[in-house]
Amino acid sequence: MKINTKLSTAAVVVLLAACALNADESLSKHTLKANYQESYNTKPKSVDNLADMFQEGIFYGRLRSNTFLYDWEKETASQNSHIITAIGGSLVYKTATLGDVDFTAGLYYSKAFFDEDDDPVTSLKSGKDVLSRYDFATGGDKSMAVLGQAYISYKGLPKTEIRLGRQLVETFYTKSNDTKMIPNTFDGALIENKSLPQTSVKIAYLTKQKLRDHTSSHSVLMYDNSDTANKSTWNANDDSAMHKGLSYTALKAAGKDTDAPLITGDIQNKSVENLTINASFYNVPELLSQAMGELNYKMKFDGFMLSPGVRYIKQFDNGAGSVGGAAYDGITTGYKDPASLDSQMIAARLVGVYKNLKLNLGYSQVLDEADLVTPWRGFPTAGYTRSMARYNWIANTKSYRAELMINSNQAGAYKDIVTQLSILHTDADESKGQFDENFYYVGFIQNIPSFIDLQWRLRLGYADTKKIDTDSLDARFELNYLF
């Protein structure tokens, strides 16, 4: 493994120089939350003519650098310790509102730096998303320039917004998950309504997805093995949680649509004091669907708060099981019904909050039926037992996590360092080729007080697994400058 420290240092220097030239004590037009979603603090106003609609629009800029170190306990032909760095950014433009209509467009860029001779692209782990592996394999391109957002918004109906086009879709099952360089985006329509008392509803009809490491959109639930010699498997839905058995050839042979849409939605209700009710669903016609229900109740005491929560997920096999099987890696050894994707998950947690401390004790169990299929960056175990890069929703998997957050209750910029500590134990089913694991995580976030629009993040995860010689360290350092 060769570490190109000159490139990494140059990326940091460039960003710091930009910050020094643009430093300002006031809060930026937009800020970056701990979950990587952006908050727009200054928004365009309403206007009464077409010229002002564009002249009064606002640009939101972002420069970023992201470096990934993956270090294996033992290097083998398939386990190569490596480092990869990327620099890039984004420029999002929002028009002013004219007649309840506005437009948003966002351009994103990423340039990756790694030694392909010592660290082949096939060996890349968490850092693989800072470039398109397909573009690199077919044309040697280490950069990505994409139109990540391009949508029209209409707000003419009471307490309703309708968006059409390419957009970030934040629902339980779909997330932008912008932890690399370019967010996960979708093409389609979204409706959000808050007409009912204490209730919000969001419904999306999505025809295409564009994963973070892709430069073109693709099917939401199809693994493209149509031309494996030319790396077609890297050019459709190749997400880490994608069901590889739902491939182009398998879907075609079964007479299924290789380009089926994703229909998904959320509803949240807070009519009962201190109780939050959440329900979500997705449906990929003639293939697969899921429903989720969740309850969280706040109990307030003198100086602290406790909040127990429960979540239940039911997965319905509508034809995908007979096509791809019960396991999303395609290996159904150890599964009770290898041709069924019917499955369930239960989860529970207890969250305690005291001043700037937040403790989350979580448990999840996927029943011994089939793996859960959710390859759109929304994670079934999120908020309960999900940790960085852990996919713990395989059949007959039990997970236990303790998480402590410090200073996460800040609004706007994080002037005080936010610290996240967690330990995750995964009790896996070895008959299915899985292994028990302990995963130790620590993460830090801070907006530098003297350069408030410059934010740094350091994330460290260590996997201690029962699989021989596969312990590993996943280290990530990121800089973001918003202007």
Foldseek 3Di string as FASTA:
>chain_A
DDDPVVVVVVQVVVVVVVLVVVFDLDFFCWFAAPLRDIDGNDAFAADADDVQQAVRKDKKWKKKKKKKWKFFLDDDPQAATFIKMKIWIKIKIKTYHYQQKIKIWMKFKIAMDTDCVRQPLSNDDPQNLRAQPLCCLQPNGRMAIATQDTWMWGDPDPQKIKIAAKDADDDLQAGQSCPHGGTKIFHWMKMWGDPDPQKIKIKTKTQWIAHSHARDTAAPAEQEPPPVVSPSSSHHLVFPQHQHLRYPVLCVVVVHDRRFIKIKMKMWGCPDPQKIWIKMKIDRPQAKMKIKIKIWGWDDDVQKIKIKMKMKMWIAGNHNLQRQFQESVSQQQPAPGRSDVTWMKIKIWMWMDGDQKIKIKMKMFIARHGFDGRSNPNAPCPPHQDDPPDRQRGHGKMKIKIKMWGNSPDPRFAADKIKIWMWMWMDDDVSRVDWTKIKTKMKIKHQHSSSNQKMKMWIWMWIDIPPPRGTMIIIMIMIMGMD
